[in-house]
C-alpha atoms as a PDB file:
ATOM      1  CA  MET A   1      16.253  -6.612 -10.977  1.00  0.00           C
ATOM      2  CA  MET A   2      12.111  -7.582 -10.428  1.00  0.00           C
ATOM      3  CA  LEU A   3      10.528  -6.746  -7.015  1.00  0.00           C
ATOM      4  CA  ALA A   4       7.807  -8.261  -5.414  1.00  0.00           C
ATOM      5  CA  GLU A   5       5.335  -7.801  -2.337  1.00  0.00           C
ATOM      6  CA  THR A   6       1.958  -8.571  -1.372  1.00  0.00           C
ATOM      7  CA  VAL A   7      -0.627  -5.597  -0.282  1.00  0.00           C
ATOM      8  CA  ASP A   8      -3.839  -6.227   0.598  1.00  0.00           C
ATOM      9  CA  CYS A   9      -6.796  -4.011   2.045  1.00  0.00           C
ATOM     10  CA  VAL A  10      -8.197  -3.621   5.701  1.00  0.00           C
ATOM     11  CA  PRO A  11     -10.238  -2.118   8.357  1.00  0.00           C
ATOM     12  CA  VAL A  12      -8.735  -0.494  10.629  1.00  0.00           C
ATOM     13  CA  ALA A  13     -10.436   2.515  12.595  1.00  0.00           C
ATOM     14  CA  GLY A  14     -11.381   4.888  10.005  1.00  0.00           C
ATOM     15  CA  GLY A  15     -11.907   2.698   6.858  1.00  0.00           C
ATOM     16  CA  CYS A  16      -9.841   0.519   4.731  1.00  0.00           C
ATOM     17  CA  PHE A  17      -6.389   0.524   4.138  1.00  0.00           C
ATOM     18  CA  TYR A  18      -4.160  -1.109   1.804  1.00  0.00           C
ATOM     19  CA  ARG A  19      -1.067  -2.102   3.629  1.00  0.00           C
ATOM     20  CA  TRP A  20       2.123  -3.683   3.456  1.00  0.00           C
ATOM     21  CA  SER A  21       2.885  -7.094   4.357  1.00  0.00           C
ATOM     22  CA  TRP A  22       5.033  -6.316   6.835  1.00  0.00           C
ATOM     23  CA  GLY A  23       1.313  -3.803   8.895  1.00  0.00           C
ATOM     24  CA  GLU A  24       2.076  -0.427   7.455  1.00  0.00           C
ATOM     25  CA  LEU A  25      -0.800   1.162   6.371  1.00  0.00           C
ATOM     26  CA  VAL A  26       0.265   2.635   2.078  1.00  0.00           C
ATOM     27  CA  GLY A  27      -3.296   5.160   1.700  1.00  0.00           C
ATOM     28  CA  GLN A  28      -6.848   4.448   2.565  1.00  0.00           C
ATOM     29  CA  ALA A  29      -9.132   2.492   0.436  1.00  0.00           C
ATOM     30  CA  ASP A  30     -11.585   5.001  -0.856  1.00  0.00           C
ATOM     31  CA  GLU A  31      -7.672   6.777  -2.814  1.00  0.00           C
ATOM     32  CA  PRO A  32      -6.285   4.330  -5.323  1.00  0.00           C
ATOM     33  CA  ALA A  33      -4.708   5.800  -7.230  1.00  0.00           C
ATOM     34  CA  ARG A  34      -3.045   8.516  -4.180  1.00  0.00           C
ATOM     35  CA  ALA A  35      -1.847   3.918  -2.918  1.00  0.00           C
ATOM     36  CA  ALA A  36       0.073   3.226  -5.880  1.00  0.00           C
ATOM     37  CA  GLU A  37       1.141   6.368  -6.916  1.00  0.00           C
ATOM     38  CA  ARG A  38       2.963   5.387  -2.822  1.00  0.00           C
ATOM     39  CA  ILE A  39       3.365   1.667  -3.877  1.00  0.00           C
ATOM     40  CA  VAL A  40       5.946   2.586  -7.069  1.00  0.00           C
ATOM     41  CA  ARG A  41       8.097   4.982  -5.388  1.00  0.00           C
ATOM     42  CA  VAL A  42       8.963   2.737  -2.261  1.00  0.00           C
ATOM     43  CA  LEU A  43       9.553  -0.332  -4.570  1.00  0.00           C
ATOM     44  CA  SER A  44      11.684   2.201  -6.904  1.00  0.00           C
ATOM     45  CA  ARG A  45      13.846   2.841  -4.337  1.00  0.00           C
ATOM     46  CA  ARG A  46      15.514  -0.869  -4.069  1.00  0.00           C
END
């Protein structure tokens, strides 16, 4: 099963963050590897 999701980068209080399409923050933009790990972990569960 192939999943697709949109993640964007937005400025919020405290810096820029990666954000899921539904608005939940994924991680700080200055830590892309950590954010990518979370994205992989979340999408692997589905």
